């Protein structure tokens, strides 16, 4: 009996962050979340690994970003193959935080 030899889908997560609690920023946050869900669903070789999102939190440090840190732990645990984000500044403004293992 032949096994299903289809390649495993890439587990893709998205990271969203807005730096203030202002109404304009919160609508940007919701738009980012919706965009990434749609984007991942439109790629048949992608599987949604999660949407990680921090609201009203500065990008200058990762220490207080609970969702960011949970996402990194999920990466280390092998649950995520790829992360997408709006721009590198959403991920981390501090280059050391961004590239540090």
PDB file of N, CA and C in Angstrom:
ATOM      1  N   UNK A   1       0.836  -1.172   0.000  1.00  0.00           N
ATOM      2  CA  UNK A   1       0.000   0.000   0.000  1.00  0.00           C
ATOM      3  C   UNK A   1       0.883   1.237   0.000  1.00  0.00           C
ATOM      4  N   UNK A   2       0.663   2.127  -0.954  1.00  0.00           N
ATOM      5  CA  UNK A   2       1.491   3.325  -1.088  1.00  0.00           C
ATOM      6  C   UNK A   2       1.092   4.368  -0.048  1.00  0.00           C
ATOM      7  N   UNK A   3       2.110   4.965   0.550  1.00  0.00           N
ATOM      8  CA  UNK A   3       1.861   6.046   1.513  1.00  0.00           C
ATOM      9  C   UNK A   3       1.597   7.340   0.773  1.00  0.00           C
ATOM     10  N   UNK A   4       0.931   8.234   1.434  1.00  0.00           N
ATOM     11  CA  UNK A   4       0.694   9.567   0.883  1.00  0.00           C
ATOM     12  C   UNK A   4       2.031  10.310   0.901  1.00  0.00           C
ATOM     13  N   UNK A   5       2.576  10.589  -0.270  1.00  0.00           N
ATOM     14  CA  UNK A   5       3.888  11.214  -0.363  1.00  0.00           C
ATOM     15  C   UNK A   5       3.824  12.710  -0.662  1.00  0.00           C
ATOM     16  N   UNK A   6       2.694  13.320  -0.379  1.00  0.00           N
ATOM     17  CA  UNK A   6       2.586  14.757  -0.589  1.00  0.00           C
ATOM     18  C   UNK A   6       3.517  15.467   0.390  1.00  0.00           C
ATOM     19  N   UNK A   7       4.186  16.517  -0.081  1.00  0.00           N
ATOM     20  CA  UNK A   7       5.071  17.244   0.822  1.00  0.00           C
ATOM     21  C   UNK A   7       4.277  17.916   1.949  1.00  0.00           C
ATOM     22  N   UNK A   8       4.896  18.006   3.088  1.00  0.00           N
ATOM     23  CA  UNK A   8       4.275  18.645   4.246  1.00  0.00           C
ATOM     24  C   UNK A   8       4.129  20.136   3.976  1.00  0.00           C
ATOM     25  N   UNK A   9       3.005  20.687   4.374  1.00  0.00           N
ATOM     26  CA  UNK A   9       2.791  22.118   4.196  1.00  0.00           C
ATOM     27  C   UNK A   9       3.725  22.894   5.116  1.00  0.00           C
ATOM     28  N   UNK A  10       4.122  24.079   4.661  1.00  0.00           N
ATOM     29  CA  UNK A  10       4.965  24.952   5.464  1.00  0.00           C
ATOM     30  C   UNK A  10       4.096  25.587   6.545  1.00  0.00           C
ATOM     31  N   UNK A  11       4.511  25.449   7.787  1.00  0.00           N
ATOM     32  CA  UNK A  11       3.774  26.027   8.918  1.00  0.00           C
ATOM     33  C   UNK A  11       4.174  27.490   9.050  1.00  0.00           C
ATOM     34  N   UNK A  12       3.222  28.361   8.709  1.00  0.00           N
ATOM     35  CA  UNK A  12       3.502  29.791   8.630  1.00  0.00           C
ATOM     36  C   UNK A  12       2.742  30.529   9.728  1.00  0.00           C
ATOM     37  N   UNK A  13       3.468  31.360  10.454  1.00  0.00           N
ATOM     38  CA  UNK A  13       2.875  32.211  11.483  1.00  0.00           C
ATOM     39  C   UNK A  13       3.026  33.663  11.056  1.00  0.00           C
ATOM     40  N   UNK A  14       2.185  34.502  11.607  1.00  0.00           N
ATOM     41  CA  UNK A  14       2.282  35.940  11.339  1.00  0.00           C
ATOM     42  C   UNK A  14       2.448  36.669  12.657  1.00  0.00           C
ATOM     43  N   UNK A  15       3.228  37.745  12.615  1.00  0.00           N
ATOM     44  CA  UNK A  15       3.387  38.587  13.803  1.00  0.00           C
ATOM     45  C   UNK A  15       2.906  39.991  13.485  1.00  0.00           C
ATOM     46  N   UNK A  16       2.007  40.488  14.327  1.00  0.00           N
ATOM     47  CA  UNK A  16       1.440  41.834  14.184  1.00  0.00           C
ATOM     48  C   UNK A  16       1.721  42.615  15.454  1.00  0.00           C
ATOM     49  N   UNK A  17       1.987  43.891  15.287  1.00  0.00           N
ATOM     50  CA  UNK A  17       2.187  44.749  16.459  1.00  0.00           C
ATOM     51  C   UNK A  17       1.839  46.175  16.097  1.00  0.00           C
ATOM     52  N   UNK A  18       1.139  46.834  16.995  1.00  0.00           N
ATOM     53  CA  UNK A  18       0.954  48.282  16.907  1.00  0.00           C
ATOM     54  C   UNK A  18       1.488  48.864  18.202  1.00  0.00           C
ATOM     55  N   UNK A  19       2.063  50.047  18.113  1.00  0.00           N
ATOM     56  CA  UNK A  19       2.787  50.574  19.264  1.00  0.00           C
ATOM     57  C   UNK A  19       1.978  51.467  20.190  1.00  0.00           C
ATOM     58  N   UNK A  20       0.734  51.781  19.839  1.00  0.00           N
ATOM     59  CA  UNK A  20      -0.087  52.591  20.733  1.00  0.00           C
ATOM     60  C   UNK A  20      -1.478  52.010  20.832  1.00  0.00           C
ATOM     61  N   UNK A  21      -2.247  52.508  21.790  1.00  0.00           N
ATOM     62  CA  UNK A  21      -3.631  52.071  21.962  1.00  0.00           C
ATOM     63  C   UNK A  21      -4.606  52.977  21.213  1.00  0.00           C
ATOM     64  N   UNK A  22      -4.108  53.927  20.425  1.00  0.00           N
ATOM     65  CA  UNK A  22      -4.988  54.844  19.712  1.00  0.00           C
ATOM     66  C   UNK A  22      -5.867  54.086  18.728  1.00  0.00           C
ATOM     67  N   UNK A  23      -7.093  54.587  18.521  1.00  0.00           N
ATOM     68  CA  UNK A  23      -8.075  53.932  17.651  1.00  0.00           C
ATOM     69  C   UNK A  23      -7.512  53.639  16.266  1.00  0.00           C
ATOM     70  N   UNK A  24      -6.785  54.591  15.690  1.00  0.00           N
ATOM     71  CA  UNK A  24      -6.211  54.409  14.348  1.00  0.00           C
ATOM     72  C   UNK A  24      -5.253  53.224  14.322  1.00  0.00           C
ATOM     73  N   UNK A  25      -4.441  53.105  15.351  1.00  0.00           N
ATOM     74  CA  UNK A  25      -3.485  51.996  15.422  1.00  0.00           C
ATOM     75  C   UNK A  25      -4.183  50.660  15.639  1.00  0.00           C
ATOM     76  N   UNK A  26      -5.247  50.660  16.449  1.00  0.00           N
ATOM     77  CA  UNK A  26      -5.959  49.410  16.695  1.00  0.00           C
ATOM     78  C   UNK A  26      -6.654  48.901  15.437  1.00  0.00           C
ATOM     79  N   UNK A  27      -7.146  49.807  14.594  1.00  0.00           N
ATOM     80  CA  UNK A  27      -7.748  49.351  13.337  1.00  0.00           C
ATOM     81  C   UNK A  27      -6.659  48.811  12.414  1.00  0.00           C
ATOM     82  N   UNK A  28      -5.458  49.375  12.472  1.00  0.00           N
ATOM     83  CA  UNK A  28      -4.327  48.857  11.709  1.00  0.00           C
ATOM     84  C   UNK A  28      -3.994  47.445  12.184  1.00  0.00           C
ATOM     85  N   UNK A  29      -4.043  47.240  13.472  1.00  0.00           N
ATOM     86  CA  UNK A  29      -3.788  45.934  14.076  1.00  0.00           C
ATOM     87  C   UNK A  29      -4.779  44.894  13.550  1.00  0.00           C
ATOM     88  N   UNK A  30      -6.067  45.235  13.574  1.00  0.00           N
ATOM     89  CA  UNK A  30      -7.097  44.320  13.082  1.00  0.00           C
ATOM     90  C   UNK A  30      -6.910  44.041  11.592  1.00  0.00           C
ATOM     91  N   UNK A  31      -6.546  45.063  10.834  1.00  0.00           N
ATOM     92  CA  UNK A  31      -6.317  44.895   9.397  1.00  0.00           C
ATOM     93  C   UNK A  31      -5.132  43.953   9.154  1.00  0.00           C
ATOM     94  N   UNK A  32      -4.080  44.087   9.951  1.00  0.00           N
ATOM     95  CA  UNK A  32      -2.920  43.200   9.807  1.00  0.00           C
ATOM     96  C   UNK A  32      -3.312  41.750  10.066  1.00  0.00           C
ATOM     97  N   UNK A  33      -4.046  41.506  11.135  1.00  0.00           N
ATOM     98  CA  UNK A  33      -4.465  40.145  11.479  1.00  0.00           C
ATOM     99  C   UNK A  33      -5.294  39.552  10.336  1.00  0.00           C
ATOM    100  N   UNK A  34      -6.279  40.296   9.856  1.00  0.00           N
ATOM    101  CA  UNK A  34      -7.129  39.817   8.765  1.00  0.00           C
ATOM    102  C   UNK A  34      -6.331  39.565   7.497  1.00  0.00           C
ATOM    103  N   UNK A  35      -5.408  40.453   7.187  1.00  0.00           N
ATOM    104  CA  UNK A  35      -4.575  40.301   5.995  1.00  0.00           C
ATOM    105  C   UNK A  35      -3.774  38.996   6.046  1.00  0.00           C
ATOM    106  N   UNK A  36      -3.135  38.732   7.171  1.00  0.00           N
ATOM    107  CA  UNK A  36      -2.285  37.548   7.268  1.00  0.00           C
ATOM    108  C   UNK A  36      -3.078  36.253   7.231  1.00  0.00           C
ATOM    109  N   UNK A  37      -4.236  36.226   7.857  1.00  0.00           N
ATOM    110  CA  UNK A  37      -5.072  35.023   7.794  1.00  0.00           C
ATOM    111  C   UNK A  37      -5.429  34.735   6.335  1.00  0.00           C
ATOM    112  N   UNK A  38      -5.881  35.762   5.621  1.00  0.00           N
ATOM    113  CA  UNK A  38      -6.246  35.602   4.213  1.00  0.00           C
ATOM    114  C   UNK A  38      -5.031  35.207   3.379  1.00  0.00           C
ATOM    115  N   UNK A  39      -3.904  35.858   3.599  1.00  0.00           N
ATOM    116  CA  UNK A  39      -2.680  35.588   2.849  1.00  0.00           C
ATOM    117  C   UNK A  39      -2.262  34.123   2.990  1.00  0.00           C
ATOM    118  N   UNK A  40      -2.244  33.623   4.210  1.00  0.00           N
ATOM    119  CA  UNK A  40      -1.812  32.247   4.457  1.00  0.00           C
ATOM    120  C   UNK A  40      -2.818  31.264   3.867  1.00  0.00           C
ATOM    121  N   UNK A  41      -4.100  31.541   4.018  1.00  0.00           N
ATOM    122  CA  UNK A  41      -5.127  30.646   3.480  1.00  0.00           C
ATOM    123  C   UNK A  41      -5.081  30.568   1.959  1.00  0.00           C
ATOM    124  N   UNK A  42      -4.609  31.608   1.296  1.00  0.00           N
ATOM    125  CA  UNK A  42      -4.545  31.627  -0.178  1.00  0.00           C
ATOM    126  C   UNK A  42      -3.362  30.843  -0.740  1.00  0.00           C
ATOM    127  N   UNK A  43      -2.455  30.428   0.087  1.00  0.00           N
ATOM    128  CA  UNK A  43      -1.297  29.641  -0.347  1.00  0.00           C
ATOM    129  C   UNK A  43      -1.536  28.176   0.005  1.00  0.00           C
ATOM    130  N   UNK A  44      -1.790  27.353  -1.003  1.00  0.00           N
ATOM    131  CA  UNK A  44      -2.111  25.949  -0.725  1.00  0.00           C
ATOM    132  C   UNK A  44      -0.969  25.171  -0.062  1.00  0.00           C
ATOM    133  N   UNK A  45       0.254  25.671  -0.169  1.00  0.00           N
ATOM    134  CA  UNK A  45       1.384  24.979   0.453  1.00  0.00           C
ATOM    135  C   UNK A  45       1.682  25.505   1.863  1.00  0.00           C
ATOM    136  N   UNK A  46       0.841  26.432   2.353  1.00  0.00           N
ATOM    137  CA  UNK A  46       1.001  26.983   3.702  1.00  0.00           C
ATOM    138  C   UNK A  46      -0.083  26.432   4.613  1.00  0.00           C
ATOM    139  N   UNK A  47       0.280  26.308   5.864  1.00  0.00           N
ATOM    140  CA  UNK A  47      -0.654  25.935   6.921  1.00  0.00           C
ATOM    141  C   UNK A  47      -0.523  26.993   8.013  1.00  0.00           C
ATOM    142  N   UNK A  48      -1.627  27.516   8.500  1.00  0.00           N
ATOM    143  CA  UNK A  48      -1.599  28.558   9.519  1.00  0.00           C
ATOM    144  C   UNK A  48      -1.075  27.984  10.829  1.00  0.00           C
ATOM    145  N   UNK A  49       0.063  28.506  11.277  1.00  0.00           N
ATOM    146  CA  UNK A  49       0.666  28.054  12.529  1.00  0.00           C
ATOM    147  C   UNK A  49       0.292  28.976  13.680  1.00  0.00           C
ATOM    148  N   UNK A  50      -0.349  30.097  13.363  1.00  0.00           N
ATOM    149  CA  UNK A  50      -0.792  31.008  14.408  1.00  0.00           C
ATOM    150  C   UNK A  50      -0.612  32.458  14.025  1.00  0.00           C
ATOM    151  N   UNK A  51      -1.438  33.268  14.639  1.00  0.00           N
ATOM    152  CA  UNK A  51      -1.302  34.717  14.525  1.00  0.00           C
ATOM    153  C   UNK A  51      -0.878  35.190  15.908  1.00  0.00           C
ATOM    154  N   UNK A  52       0.260  35.783  15.980  1.00  0.00           N
ATOM    155  CA  UNK A  52       0.802  36.291  17.240  1.00  0.00           C
ATOM    156  C   UNK A  52       0.734  37.807  17.150  1.00  0.00           C
ATOM    157  N   UNK A  53       0.111  38.431  18.134  1.00  0.00           N
ATOM    158  CA  UNK A  53      -0.143  39.864  18.016  1.00  0.00           C
ATOM    159  C   UNK A  53      -0.040  40.555  19.369  1.00  0.00           C
ATOM    160  N   UNK A  54       0.710  41.631  19.389  1.00  0.00           N
ATOM    161  CA  UNK A  54       0.830  42.468  20.580  1.00  0.00           C
ATOM    162  C   UNK A  54       0.243  43.832  20.265  1.00  0.00           C
ATOM    163  N   UNK A  55      -0.637  44.315  21.141  1.00  0.00           N
ATOM    164  CA  UNK A  55      -1.271  45.618  20.960  1.00  0.00           C
ATOM    165  C   UNK A  55      -0.693  46.620  21.939  1.00  0.00           C
ATOM    166  N   UNK A  56      -0.488  47.844  21.459  1.00  0.00           N
ATOM    167  CA  UNK A  56      -0.101  48.942  22.338  1.00  0.00           C
ATOM    168  C   UNK A  56       1.233  48.755  23.014  1.00  0.00           C
ATOM    169  N   UNK A  57       2.146  48.061  22.353  1.00  0.00           N
ATOM    170  CA  UNK A  57       3.438  47.766  22.962  1.00  0.00           C
ATOM    171  C   UNK A  57       4.551  48.249  22.044  1.00  0.00           C
ATOM    172  N   UNK A  58       5.548  48.888  22.626  1.00  0.00           N
ATOM    173  CA  UNK A  58       6.668  49.437  21.869  1.00  0.00           C
ATOM    174  C   UNK A  58       7.511  48.329  21.252  1.00  0.00           C
ATOM    175  N   UNK A  59       8.107  48.648  20.103  1.00  0.00           N
ATOM    176  CA  UNK A  59       8.978  47.700  19.427  1.00  0.00           C
ATOM    177  C   UNK A  59      10.435  47.846  19.801  1.00  0.00           C
ATOM    178  N   UNK A  60      10.729  48.700  20.792  1.00  0.00           N
ATOM    179  CA  UNK A  60      12.133  48.924  21.132  1.00  0.00           C
ATOM    180  C   UNK A  60      12.732  47.787  21.957  1.00  0.00           C
ATOM    181  N   UNK A  61      11.903  46.955  22.555  1.00  0.00           N
ATOM    182  CA  UNK A  61      12.387  45.804  23.308  1.00  0.00           C
ATOM    183  C   UNK A  61      11.384  44.661  23.174  1.00  0.00           C
ATOM    184  N   UNK A  62      11.849  43.446  23.325  1.00  0.00           N
ATOM    185  CA  UNK A  62      10.948  42.292  23.231  1.00  0.00           C
ATOM    186  C   UNK A  62      10.512  41.794  24.609  1.00  0.00           C
ATOM    187  N   UNK A  63      11.061  42.354  25.667  1.00  0.00           N
ATOM    188  CA  UNK A  63      10.820  41.827  27.015  1.00  0.00           C
ATOM    189  C   UNK A  63       9.346  41.804  27.416  1.00  0.00           C
ATOM    190  N   UNK A  64       8.575  42.818  27.071  1.00  0.00           N
ATOM    191  CA  UNK A  64       7.176  42.904  27.493  1.00  0.00           C
ATOM    192  C   UNK A  64       6.194  42.413  26.428  1.00  0.00           C
ATOM    193  N   UNK A  65       6.699  41.916  25.312  1.00  0.00           N
ATOM    194  CA  UNK A  65       5.817  41.455  24.236  1.00  0.00           C
ATOM    195  C   UNK A  65       5.563  39.958  24.400  1.00  0.00           C
ATOM    196  N   UNK A  66       4.488  39.642  25.117  1.00  0.00           N
ATOM    197  CA  UNK A  66       4.177  38.252  25.448  1.00  0.00           C
ATOM    198  C   UNK A  66       3.978  37.391  24.210  1.00  0.00           C
ATOM    199  N   UNK A  67       3.221  37.881  23.243  1.00  0.00           N
ATOM    200  CA  UNK A  67       2.944  37.098  22.042  1.00  0.00           C
ATOM    201  C   UNK A  67       4.209  36.891  21.206  1.00  0.00           C
ATOM    202  N   UNK A  68       5.044  37.906  21.114  1.00  0.00           N
ATOM    203  CA  UNK A  68       6.307  37.784  20.391  1.00  0.00           C
ATOM    204  C   UNK A  68       7.155  36.677  21.026  1.00  0.00           C
ATOM    205  N   UNK A  69       7.267  36.720  22.342  1.00  0.00           N
ATOM    206  CA  UNK A  69       8.090  35.724  23.043  1.00  0.00           C
ATOM    207  C   UNK A  69       7.496  34.326  22.933  1.00  0.00           C
ATOM    208  N   UNK A  70       6.163  34.203  22.951  1.00  0.00           N
ATOM    209  CA  UNK A  70       5.517  32.909  22.764  1.00  0.00           C
ATOM    210  C   UNK A  70       5.807  32.377  21.356  1.00  0.00           C
ATOM    211  N   UNK A  71       5.781  33.276  20.365  1.00  0.00           N
ATOM    212  CA  UNK A  71       6.075  32.889  18.982  1.00  0.00           C
ATOM    213  C   UNK A  71       7.513  32.359  18.864  1.00  0.00           C
ATOM    214  N   UNK A  72       8.447  33.037  19.474  1.00  0.00           N
ATOM    215  CA  UNK A  72       9.847  32.601  19.429  1.00  0.00           C
ATOM    216  C   UNK A  72       9.998  31.234  20.092  1.00  0.00           C
ATOM    217  N   UNK A  73       9.327  31.018  21.210  1.00  0.00           N
ATOM    218  CA  UNK A  73       9.373  29.712  21.870  1.00  0.00           C
ATOM    219  C   UNK A  73       8.765  28.628  20.976  1.00  0.00           C
ATOM    220  N   UNK A  74       7.677  28.959  20.266  1.00  0.00           N
ATOM    221  CA  UNK A  74       7.082  27.986  19.338  1.00  0.00           C
ATOM    222  C   UNK A  74       8.027  27.670  18.184  1.00  0.00           C
ATOM    223  N   UNK A  75       8.792  28.660  17.743  1.00  0.00           N
ATOM    224  CA  UNK A  75       9.806  28.412  16.712  1.00  0.00           C
ATOM    225  C   UNK A  75      10.861  27.445  17.231  1.00  0.00           C
ATOM    226  N   UNK A  76      11.342  27.706  18.423  1.00  0.00           N
ATOM    227  CA  UNK A  76      12.358  26.844  19.023  1.00  0.00           C
ATOM    228  C   UNK A  76      11.852  25.418  19.226  1.00  0.00           C
ATOM    229  N   UNK A  77      10.535  25.286  19.443  1.00  0.00           N
ATOM    230  CA  UNK A  77       9.924  23.967  19.649  1.00  0.00           C
ATOM    231  C   UNK A  77       9.601  23.271  18.333  1.00  0.00           C
ATOM    232  N   UNK A  78       9.910  23.925  17.205  1.00  0.00           N
ATOM    233  CA  UNK A  78       9.691  23.309  15.904  1.00  0.00           C
ATOM    234  C   UNK A  78       8.262  23.388  15.402  1.00  0.00           C
ATOM    235  N   UNK A  79       7.460  24.287  15.946  1.00  0.00           N
ATOM    236  CA  UNK A  79       6.053  24.413  15.553  1.00  0.00           C
ATOM    237  C   UNK A  79       5.832  25.372  14.381  1.00  0.00           C
ATOM    238  N   UNK A  80       6.851  26.166  14.052  1.00  0.00           N
ATOM    239  CA  UNK A  80       6.732  27.195  13.009  1.00  0.00           C
ATOM    240  C   UNK A  80       7.904  27.055  12.047  1.00  0.00           C
ATOM    241  N   UNK A  81       7.594  27.089  10.743  1.00  0.00           N
ATOM    242  CA  UNK A  81       8.641  27.032   9.721  1.00  0.00           C
ATOM    243  C   UNK A  81       9.015  28.416   9.200  1.00  0.00           C
ATOM    244  N   UNK A  82       8.041  29.327   9.209  1.00  0.00           N
ATOM    245  CA  UNK A  82       8.274  30.654   8.642  1.00  0.00           C
ATOM    246  C   UNK A  82       7.379  31.669   9.345  1.00  0.00           C
ATOM    247  N   UNK A  83       7.901  32.883   9.528  1.00  0.00           N
ATOM    248  CA  UNK A  83       7.134  33.981  10.107  1.00  0.00           C
ATOM    249  C   UNK A  83       7.029  35.073   9.065  1.00  0.00           C
ATOM    250  N   UNK A  84       5.822  35.622   8.907  1.00  0.00           N
ATOM    251  CA  UNK A  84       5.649  36.782   8.046  1.00  0.00           C
ATOM    252  C   UNK A  84       5.211  37.954   8.907  1.00  0.00           C
ATOM    253  N   UNK A  85       5.606  39.150   8.497  1.00  0.00           N
ATOM    254  CA  UNK A  85       5.258  40.363   9.219  1.00  0.00           C
ATOM    255  C   UNK A  85       5.240  41.532   8.252  1.00  0.00           C
ATOM    256  N   UNK A  86       4.577  42.597   8.638  1.00  0.00           N
ATOM    257  CA  UNK A  86       4.404  43.765   7.773  1.00  0.00           C
ATOM    258  C   UNK A  86       5.746  44.387   7.389  1.00  0.00           C
ATOM    259  N   UNK A  87       6.610  44.544   8.355  1.00  0.00           N
ATOM    260  CA  UNK A  87       7.938  45.106   8.104  1.00  0.00           C
ATOM    261  C   UNK A  87       8.852  44.698   9.245  1.00  0.00           C
ATOM    262  N   UNK A  88      10.135  44.836   9.033  1.00  0.00           N
ATOM    263  CA  UNK A  88      11.098  44.460  10.067  1.00  0.00           C
ATOM    264  C   UNK A  88      10.879  45.268  11.343  1.00  0.00           C
ATOM    265  N   UNK A  89      10.360  46.498  11.224  1.00  0.00           N
ATOM    266  CA  UNK A  89      10.115  47.308  12.420  1.00  0.00           C
ATOM    267  C   UNK A  89       8.978  46.737  13.266  1.00  0.00           C
ATOM    268  N   UNK A  90       8.069  45.961  12.679  1.00  0.00           N
ATOM    269  CA  UNK A  90       7.011  45.296  13.458  1.00  0.00           C
ATOM    270  C   UNK A  90       7.609  44.166  14.267  1.00  0.00           C
ATOM    271  N   UNK A  91       8.621  43.540  13.724  1.00  0.00           N
ATOM    272  CA  UNK A  91       9.263  42.405  14.380  1.00  0.00           C
ATOM    273  C   UNK A  91      10.151  42.893  15.513  1.00  0.00           C
ATOM    274  N   UNK A  92      11.035  43.835  15.202  1.00  0.00           N
ATOM    275  CA  UNK A  92      11.920  44.395  16.224  1.00  0.00           C
ATOM    276  C   UNK A  92      12.591  45.647  15.698  1.00  0.00           C
ATOM    277  N   UNK A  93      12.555  46.690  16.478  1.00  0.00           N
ATOM    278  CA  UNK A  93      13.278  47.908  16.097  1.00  0.00           C
ATOM    279  C   UNK A  93      14.741  47.827  16.503  1.00  0.00           C
ATOM    280  N   UNK A  94      15.011  47.051  17.529  1.00  0.00           N
ATOM    281  CA  UNK A  94      16.371  46.857  17.981  1.00  0.00           C
ATOM    282  C   UNK A  94      16.956  45.682  17.205  1.00  0.00           C
ATOM    283  N   UNK A  95      17.949  45.942  16.369  1.00  0.00           N
ATOM    284  CA  UNK A  95      18.524  44.905  15.515  1.00  0.00           C
ATOM    285  C   UNK A  95      19.048  43.717  16.323  1.00  0.00           C
ATOM    286  N   UNK A  96      19.615  43.974  17.506  1.00  0.00           N
ATOM    287  CA  UNK A  96      20.115  42.872  18.321  1.00  0.00           C
ATOM    288  C   UNK A  96      18.992  41.943  18.746  1.00  0.00           C
ATOM    289  N   UNK A  97      17.825  42.504  19.112  1.00  0.00           N
ATOM    290  CA  UNK A  97      16.684  41.655  19.467  1.00  0.00           C
ATOM    291  C   UNK A  97      16.237  40.812  18.280  1.00  0.00           C
ATOM    292  N   UNK A  98      16.360  41.364  17.105  1.00  0.00           N
ATOM    293  CA  UNK A  98      15.888  40.690  15.897  1.00  0.00           C
ATOM    294  C   UNK A  98      16.782  39.523  15.487  1.00  0.00           C
ATOM    295  N   UNK A  99      18.088  39.658  15.645  1.00  0.00           N
ATOM    296  CA  UNK A  99      19.023  38.637  15.145  1.00  0.00           C
ATOM    297  C   UNK A  99      19.610  37.750  16.254  1.00  0.00           C
ATOM    298  N   UNK A 100      19.372  38.094  17.502  1.00  0.00           N
ATOM    299  CA  UNK A 100      19.916  37.323  18.610  1.00  0.00           C
ATOM    300  C   UNK A 100      19.263  35.941  18.653  1.00  0.00           C
ATOM    301  N   UNK A 101      20.062  34.880  18.810  1.00  0.00           N
ATOM    302  CA  UNK A 101      19.496  33.520  18.871  1.00  0.00           C
ATOM    303  C   UNK A 101      18.679  33.297  20.129  1.00  0.00           C
TER     304      UNK A 101
END
